[in-house]
Amino acid sequence: MNNNKGKISYQEAYQELVAIVKELEGDNVSIDEMSKKVKRAAVLADICKEKLKMTEKEVGEILRELEGSGEKVKD
């Protein structure tokens, strides 16, 4: 498991999160393993959320710059 929050891409975090959800939906996960997977899923969800927020902020800044330069931005 990769616990380096800053070192994992959105796509990697999302794919790992999807894999964990699929595992948890199955019947082959022990209670001990389930606890670890749920904790990891929470970390991955946080990574995805932060990366989405950062991207939204960056896109907003780009749009404001375009609007400020007089370029027309399509809706």
PDB file of N, CA and C in Angstrom:
ATOM      1  N   MET A   1       0.834  -1.186   0.000  1.00  0.00           N
ATOM      2  CA  MET A   1       0.000   0.000   0.000  1.00  0.00           C
ATOM      3  C   MET A   1       0.871   1.239   0.000  1.00  0.00           C
ATOM      4  N   ASN A   2       0.514   2.168  -0.857  1.00  0.00           N
ATOM      5  CA  ASN A   2       1.253   3.417  -0.953  1.00  0.00           C
ATOM      6  C   ASN A   2       0.581   4.453  -0.064  1.00  0.00           C
ATOM      7  N   ASN A   3       1.257   4.881   0.983  1.00  0.00           N
ATOM      8  CA  ASN A   3       0.684   5.852   1.909  1.00  0.00           C
ATOM      9  C   ASN A   3       1.171   7.266   1.650  1.00  0.00           C
ATOM     10  N   ASN A   4       1.970   7.484   0.607  1.00  0.00           N
ATOM     11  CA  ASN A   4       2.491   8.806   0.299  1.00  0.00           C
ATOM     12  C   ASN A   4       1.421   9.615  -0.409  1.00  0.00           C
ATOM     13  N   LYS A   5       0.721  10.467   0.343  1.00  0.00           N
ATOM     14  CA  LYS A   5      -0.412  11.214  -0.200  1.00  0.00           C
ATOM     15  C   LYS A   5      -0.008  12.087  -1.389  1.00  0.00           C
ATOM     16  N   GLY A   6       1.123  12.728  -1.325  1.00  0.00           N
ATOM     17  CA  GLY A   6       1.531  13.629  -2.391  1.00  0.00           C
ATOM     18  C   GLY A   6       2.138  12.926  -3.590  1.00  0.00           C
ATOM     19  N   LYS A   7       2.486  11.686  -3.461  1.00  0.00           N
ATOM     20  CA  LYS A   7       3.213  10.968  -4.506  1.00  0.00           C
ATOM     21  C   LYS A   7       2.313  10.132  -5.415  1.00  0.00           C
ATOM     22  N   ILE A   8       1.037  10.072  -5.137  1.00  0.00           N
ATOM     23  CA  ILE A   8       0.141   9.226  -5.909  1.00  0.00           C
ATOM     24  C   ILE A   8      -0.761  10.114  -6.768  1.00  0.00           C
ATOM     25  N   SER A   9      -0.968   9.704  -8.011  1.00  0.00           N
ATOM     26  CA  SER A   9      -1.810  10.499  -8.894  1.00  0.00           C
ATOM     27  C   SER A   9      -3.286  10.238  -8.591  1.00  0.00           C
ATOM     28  N   TYR A  10      -4.126  11.114  -9.105  1.00  0.00           N
ATOM     29  CA  TYR A  10      -5.571  10.939  -8.932  1.00  0.00           C
ATOM     30  C   TYR A  10      -5.984   9.587  -9.502  1.00  0.00           C
ATOM     31  N   GLN A  11      -5.512   9.286 -10.703  1.00  0.00           N
ATOM     32  CA  GLN A  11      -5.907   8.045 -11.375  1.00  0.00           C
ATOM     33  C   GLN A  11      -5.488   6.821 -10.566  1.00  0.00           C
ATOM     34  N   GLU A  12      -4.275   6.839 -10.025  1.00  0.00           N
ATOM     35  CA  GLU A  12      -3.808   5.719  -9.204  1.00  0.00           C
ATOM     36  C   GLU A  12      -4.658   5.575  -7.943  1.00  0.00           C
ATOM     37  N   ALA A  13      -4.944   6.691  -7.300  1.00  0.00           N
ATOM     38  CA  ALA A  13      -5.759   6.658  -6.081  1.00  0.00           C
ATOM     39  C   ALA A  13      -7.156   6.144  -6.389  1.00  0.00           C
ATOM     40  N   TYR A  14      -7.732   6.633  -7.471  1.00  0.00           N
ATOM     41  CA  TYR A  14      -9.084   6.222  -7.857  1.00  0.00           C
ATOM     42  C   TYR A  14      -9.132   4.726  -8.180  1.00  0.00           C
ATOM     43  N   GLN A  15      -8.167   4.257  -8.953  1.00  0.00           N
ATOM     44  CA  GLN A  15      -8.143   2.834  -9.323  1.00  0.00           C
ATOM     45  C   GLN A  15      -7.983   1.948  -8.094  1.00  0.00           C
ATOM     46  N   GLU A  16      -7.121   2.347  -7.164  1.00  0.00           N
ATOM     47  CA  GLU A  16      -6.941   1.563  -5.944  1.00  0.00           C
ATOM     48  C   GLU A  16      -8.214   1.591  -5.100  1.00  0.00           C
ATOM     49  N   LEU A  17      -8.860   2.735  -5.045  1.00  0.00           N
ATOM     50  CA  LEU A  17     -10.115   2.864  -4.294  1.00  0.00           C
ATOM     51  C   LEU A  17     -11.193   1.957  -4.888  1.00  0.00           C
ATOM     52  N   VAL A  18     -11.313   1.937  -6.192  1.00  0.00           N
ATOM     53  CA  VAL A  18     -12.286   1.058  -6.860  1.00  0.00           C
ATOM     54  C   VAL A  18     -11.979  -0.409  -6.552  1.00  0.00           C
ATOM     55  N   ALA A  19     -10.709  -0.773  -6.586  1.00  0.00           N
ATOM     56  CA  ALA A  19     -10.311  -2.151  -6.289  1.00  0.00           C
ATOM     57  C   ALA A  19     -10.675  -2.532  -4.854  1.00  0.00           C
ATOM     58  N   ILE A  20     -10.453  -1.624  -3.927  1.00  0.00           N
ATOM     59  CA  ILE A  20     -10.793  -1.888  -2.524  1.00  0.00           C
ATOM     60  C   ILE A  20     -12.299  -2.072  -2.376  1.00  0.00           C
ATOM     61  N   VAL A  21     -13.072  -1.220  -3.013  1.00  0.00           N
ATOM     62  CA  VAL A  21     -14.537  -1.336  -2.925  1.00  0.00           C
ATOM     63  C   VAL A  21     -14.994  -2.689  -3.457  1.00  0.00           C
ATOM     64  N   LYS A  22     -14.429  -3.115  -4.570  1.00  0.00           N
ATOM     65  CA  LYS A  22     -14.792  -4.424  -5.135  1.00  0.00           C
ATOM     66  C   LYS A  22     -14.439  -5.553  -4.162  1.00  0.00           C
ATOM     67  N   GLU A  23     -13.271  -5.446  -3.533  1.00  0.00           N
ATOM     68  CA  GLU A  23     -12.870  -6.463  -2.550  1.00  0.00           C
ATOM     69  C   GLU A  23     -13.824  -6.490  -1.368  1.00  0.00           C
ATOM     70  N   LEU A  24     -14.200  -5.311  -0.894  1.00  0.00           N
ATOM     71  CA  LEU A  24     -15.086  -5.233   0.267  1.00  0.00           C
ATOM     72  C   LEU A  24     -16.496  -5.732  -0.056  1.00  0.00           C
ATOM     73  N   GLU A  25     -16.889  -5.608  -1.296  1.00  0.00           N
ATOM     74  CA  GLU A  25     -18.204  -6.101  -1.710  1.00  0.00           C
ATOM     75  C   GLU A  25     -18.242  -7.631  -1.754  1.00  0.00           C
ATOM     76  N   GLY A  26     -17.073  -8.247  -1.860  1.00  0.00           N
ATOM     77  CA  GLY A  26     -16.980  -9.699  -1.864  1.00  0.00           C
ATOM     78  C   GLY A  26     -17.094 -10.247  -0.442  1.00  0.00           C
ATOM     79  N   ASP A  27     -17.133 -11.536  -0.334  1.00  0.00           N
ATOM     80  CA  ASP A  27     -17.291 -12.187   0.972  1.00  0.00           C
ATOM     81  C   ASP A  27     -15.988 -12.737   1.528  1.00  0.00           C
ATOM     82  N   ASN A  28     -14.866 -12.459   0.875  1.00  0.00           N
ATOM     83  CA  ASN A  28     -13.606 -13.097   1.253  1.00  0.00           C
ATOM     84  C   ASN A  28     -12.675 -12.220   2.080  1.00  0.00           C
ATOM     85  N   VAL A  29     -13.171 -11.157   2.667  1.00  0.00           N
ATOM     86  CA  VAL A  29     -12.314 -10.236   3.426  1.00  0.00           C
ATOM     87  C   VAL A  29     -12.551 -10.453   4.915  1.00  0.00           C
ATOM     88  N   SER A  30     -11.468 -10.727   5.634  1.00  0.00           N
ATOM     89  CA  SER A  30     -11.581 -10.906   7.086  1.00  0.00           C
ATOM     90  C   SER A  30     -11.839  -9.561   7.754  1.00  0.00           C
ATOM     91  N   ILE A  31     -12.305  -9.598   8.970  1.00  0.00           N
ATOM     92  CA  ILE A  31     -12.576  -8.371   9.715  1.00  0.00           C
ATOM     93  C   ILE A  31     -11.306  -7.544   9.881  1.00  0.00           C
ATOM     94  N   ASP A  32     -10.182  -8.193  10.195  1.00  0.00           N
ATOM     95  CA  ASP A  32      -8.917  -7.481  10.354  1.00  0.00           C
ATOM     96  C   ASP A  32      -8.498  -6.800   9.050  1.00  0.00           C
ATOM     97  N   GLU A  33      -8.627  -7.516   7.960  1.00  0.00           N
ATOM     98  CA  GLU A  33      -8.258  -6.976   6.648  1.00  0.00           C
ATOM     99  C   GLU A  33      -9.241  -5.877   6.242  1.00  0.00           C
ATOM    100  N   MET A  34     -10.508  -6.044   6.594  1.00  0.00           N
ATOM    101  CA  MET A  34     -11.521  -5.052   6.265  1.00  0.00           C
ATOM    102  C   MET A  34     -11.188  -3.715   6.915  1.00  0.00           C
ATOM    103  N   SER A  35     -10.772  -3.757   8.154  1.00  0.00           N
ATOM    104  CA  SER A  35     -10.408  -2.534   8.866  1.00  0.00           C
ATOM    105  C   SER A  35      -9.283  -1.803   8.152  1.00  0.00           C
ATOM    106  N   LYS A  36      -8.250  -2.527   7.739  1.00  0.00           N
ATOM    107  CA  LYS A  36      -7.122  -1.930   7.026  1.00  0.00           C
ATOM    108  C   LYS A  36      -7.574  -1.325   5.706  1.00  0.00           C
ATOM    109  N   LYS A  37      -8.424  -2.060   4.993  1.00  0.00           N
ATOM    110  CA  LYS A  37      -8.883  -1.600   3.684  1.00  0.00           C
ATOM    111  C   LYS A  37      -9.775  -0.367   3.801  1.00  0.00           C
ATOM    112  N   VAL A  38     -10.619  -0.329   4.818  1.00  0.00           N
ATOM    113  CA  VAL A  38     -11.475   0.839   5.012  1.00  0.00           C
ATOM    114  C   VAL A  38     -10.630   2.067   5.355  1.00  0.00           C
ATOM    115  N   LYS A  39      -9.604   1.888   6.170  1.00  0.00           N
ATOM    116  CA  LYS A  39      -8.706   3.008   6.501  1.00  0.00           C
ATOM    117  C   LYS A  39      -7.980   3.500   5.250  1.00  0.00           C
ATOM    118  N   ARG A  40      -7.505   2.571   4.444  1.00  0.00           N
ATOM    119  CA  ARG A  40      -6.816   2.946   3.203  1.00  0.00           C
ATOM    120  C   ARG A  40      -7.784   3.635   2.245  1.00  0.00           C
ATOM    121  N   ALA A  41      -9.006   3.135   2.157  1.00  0.00           N
ATOM    122  CA  ALA A  41     -10.007   3.744   1.287  1.00  0.00           C
ATOM    123  C   ALA A  41     -10.278   5.185   1.706  1.00  0.00           C
ATOM    124  N   ALA A  42     -10.308   5.441   2.998  1.00  0.00           N
ATOM    125  CA  ALA A  42     -10.531   6.807   3.496  1.00  0.00           C
ATOM    126  C   ALA A  42      -9.386   7.724   3.061  1.00  0.00           C
ATOM    127  N   VAL A  43      -8.152   7.232   3.140  1.00  0.00           N
ATOM    128  CA  VAL A  43      -6.988   8.011   2.702  1.00  0.00           C
ATOM    129  C   VAL A  43      -7.087   8.293   1.204  1.00  0.00           C
ATOM    130  N   LEU A  44      -7.427   7.277   0.435  1.00  0.00           N
ATOM    131  CA  LEU A  44      -7.527   7.430  -1.019  1.00  0.00           C
ATOM    132  C   LEU A  44      -8.641   8.398  -1.401  1.00  0.00           C
ATOM    133  N   ALA A  45      -9.775   8.318  -0.718  1.00  0.00           N
ATOM    134  CA  ALA A  45     -10.884   9.228  -0.989  1.00  0.00           C
ATOM    135  C   ALA A  45     -10.454  10.670  -0.707  1.00  0.00           C
ATOM    136  N   ASP A  46      -9.689  10.863   0.360  1.00  0.00           N
ATOM    137  CA  ASP A  46      -9.193  12.194   0.702  1.00  0.00           C
ATOM    138  C   ASP A  46      -8.234  12.703  -0.368  1.00  0.00           C
ATOM    139  N   ILE A  47      -7.369  11.837  -0.868  1.00  0.00           N
ATOM    140  CA  ILE A  47      -6.435  12.210  -1.935  1.00  0.00           C
ATOM    141  C   ILE A  47      -7.214  12.659  -3.161  1.00  0.00           C
ATOM    142  N   CYS A  48      -8.211  11.875  -3.556  1.00  0.00           N
ATOM    143  CA  CYS A  48      -9.016  12.215  -4.732  1.00  0.00           C
ATOM    144  C   CYS A  48      -9.730  13.551  -4.534  1.00  0.00           C
ATOM    145  N   LYS A  49     -10.294  13.743  -3.372  1.00  0.00           N
ATOM    146  CA  LYS A  49     -11.014  14.983  -3.069  1.00  0.00           C
ATOM    147  C   LYS A  49     -10.085  16.188  -3.149  1.00  0.00           C
ATOM    148  N   GLU A  50      -8.909  16.077  -2.566  1.00  0.00           N
ATOM    149  CA  GLU A  50      -7.951  17.186  -2.584  1.00  0.00           C
ATOM    150  C   GLU A  50      -7.471  17.484  -3.998  1.00  0.00           C
ATOM    151  N   LYS A  51      -7.202  16.446  -4.771  1.00  0.00           N
ATOM    152  CA  LYS A  51      -6.743  16.665  -6.144  1.00  0.00           C
ATOM    153  C   LYS A  51      -7.838  17.299  -6.987  1.00  0.00           C
ATOM    154  N   LEU A  52      -9.093  16.911  -6.777  1.00  0.00           N
ATOM    155  CA  LEU A  52     -10.202  17.522  -7.500  1.00  0.00           C
ATOM    156  C   LEU A  52     -10.369  18.991  -7.113  1.00  0.00           C
ATOM    157  N   LYS A  53     -10.235  19.298  -5.823  1.00  0.00           N
ATOM    158  CA  LYS A  53     -10.322  20.687  -5.366  1.00  0.00           C
ATOM    159  C   LYS A  53      -9.218  21.531  -5.996  1.00  0.00           C
ATOM    160  N   MET A  54      -8.006  20.985  -6.029  1.00  0.00           N
ATOM    161  CA  MET A  54      -6.875  21.697  -6.592  1.00  0.00           C
ATOM    162  C   MET A  54      -7.096  21.961  -8.087  1.00  0.00           C
ATOM    163  N   THR A  55      -7.599  20.965  -8.792  1.00  0.00           N
ATOM    164  CA  THR A  55      -7.858  21.113 -10.220  1.00  0.00           C
ATOM    165  C   THR A  55      -8.947  22.149 -10.464  1.00  0.00           C
ATOM    166  N   GLU A  56     -10.004  22.098  -9.654  1.00  0.00           N
ATOM    167  CA  GLU A  56     -11.089  23.072  -9.785  1.00  0.00           C
ATOM    168  C   GLU A  56     -10.559  24.497  -9.580  1.00  0.00           C
ATOM    169  N   LYS A  57      -9.703  24.675  -8.588  1.00  0.00           N
ATOM    170  CA  LYS A  57      -9.113  25.985  -8.307  1.00  0.00           C
ATOM    171  C   LYS A  57      -8.263  26.454  -9.482  1.00  0.00           C
ATOM    172  N   GLU A  58      -7.437  25.563 -10.029  1.00  0.00           N
ATOM    173  CA  GLU A  58      -6.567  25.910 -11.152  1.00  0.00           C
ATOM    174  C   GLU A  58      -7.382  26.288 -12.383  1.00  0.00           C
ATOM    175  N   VAL A  59      -8.437  25.524 -12.665  1.00  0.00           N
ATOM    176  CA  VAL A  59      -9.288  25.823 -13.815  1.00  0.00           C
ATOM    177  C   VAL A  59      -9.970  27.176 -13.613  1.00  0.00           C
ATOM    178  N   GLY A  60     -10.439  27.431 -12.399  1.00  0.00           N
ATOM    179  CA  GLY A  60     -11.047  28.730 -12.102  1.00  0.00           C
ATOM    180  C   GLY A  60     -10.092  29.877 -12.332  1.00  0.00           C
ATOM    181  N   GLU A  61      -8.843  29.707 -11.926  1.00  0.00           N
ATOM    182  CA  GLU A  61      -7.826  30.753 -12.120  1.00  0.00           C
ATOM    183  C   GLU A  61      -7.566  30.982 -13.606  1.00  0.00           C
ATOM    184  N   ILE A  62      -7.493  29.904 -14.367  1.00  0.00           N
ATOM    185  CA  ILE A  62      -7.270  30.022 -15.816  1.00  0.00           C
ATOM    186  C   ILE A  62      -8.434  30.760 -16.462  1.00  0.00           C
ATOM    187  N   LEU A  63      -9.651  30.408 -16.074  1.00  0.00           N
ATOM    188  CA  LEU A  63     -10.818  31.077 -16.643  1.00  0.00           C
ATOM    189  C   LEU A  63     -10.837  32.565 -16.298  1.00  0.00           C
ATOM    190  N   ARG A  64     -10.480  32.900 -15.059  1.00  0.00           N
ATOM    191  CA  ARG A  64     -10.417  34.314 -14.665  1.00  0.00           C
ATOM    192  C   ARG A  64      -9.352  35.059 -15.474  1.00  0.00           C
ATOM    193  N   GLU A  65      -8.209  34.407 -15.712  1.00  0.00           N
ATOM    194  CA  GLU A  65      -7.154  35.025 -16.513  1.00  0.00           C
ATOM    195  C   GLU A  65      -7.640  35.260 -17.941  1.00  0.00           C
ATOM    196  N   LEU A  66      -8.337  34.280 -18.498  1.00  0.00           N
ATOM    197  CA  LEU A  66      -8.858  34.429 -19.866  1.00  0.00           C
ATOM    198  C   LEU A  66      -9.884  35.545 -19.936  1.00  0.00           C
ATOM    199  N   GLU A  67     -10.749  35.618 -18.940  1.00  0.00           N
ATOM    200  CA  GLU A  67     -11.757  36.676 -18.914  1.00  0.00           C
ATOM    201  C   GLU A  67     -11.090  38.036 -18.765  1.00  0.00           C
ATOM    202  N   GLY A  68     -10.036  38.103 -17.981  1.00  0.00           N
ATOM    203  CA  GLY A  68      -9.306  39.359 -17.767  1.00  0.00           C
ATOM    204  C   GLY A  68      -8.543  39.813 -19.004  1.00  0.00           C
ATOM    205  N   SER A  69      -8.139  38.867 -19.841  1.00  0.00           N
ATOM    206  CA  SER A  69      -7.376  39.226 -21.037  1.00  0.00           C
ATOM    207  C   SER A  69      -8.272  39.578 -22.205  1.00  0.00           C
ATOM    208  N   GLY A  70      -9.594  39.500 -22.005  1.00  0.00           N
ATOM    209  CA  GLY A  70     -10.525  39.861 -23.054  1.00  0.00           C
ATOM    210  C   GLY A  70     -10.912  38.707 -23.962  1.00  0.00           C
ATOM    211  N   GLU A  71     -10.321  37.541 -23.769  1.00  0.00           N
ATOM    212  CA  GLU A  71     -10.694  36.387 -24.575  1.00  0.00           C
ATOM    213  C   GLU A  71     -12.057  35.898 -24.117  1.00  0.00           C
ATOM    214  N   LYS A  72     -12.854  35.496 -25.078  1.00  0.00           N
ATOM    215  CA  LYS A  72     -14.190  35.024 -24.735  1.00  0.00           C
ATOM    216  C   LYS A  72     -14.104  33.582 -24.300  1.00  0.00           C
ATOM    217  N   VAL A  73     -14.750  33.261 -23.158  1.00  0.00           N
ATOM    218  CA  VAL A  73     -14.777  31.916 -22.613  1.00  0.00           C
ATOM    219  C   VAL A  73     -16.154  31.338 -22.897  1.00  0.00           C
ATOM    220  N   LYS A  74     -16.192  30.154 -23.535  1.00  0.00           N
ATOM    221  CA  LYS A  74     -17.472  29.499 -23.824  1.00  0.00           C
ATOM    222  C   LYS A  74     -18.031  28.887 -22.562  1.00  0.00           C
ATOM    223  N   ASP A  75     -19.348  28.900 -22.435  1.00  0.00           N
ATOM    224  CA  ASP A  75     -20.013  28.288 -21.284  1.00  0.00           C
ATOM    225  C   ASP A  75     -20.082  26.796 -21.435  1.00  0.00           C
TER     226      ASP A  75
END
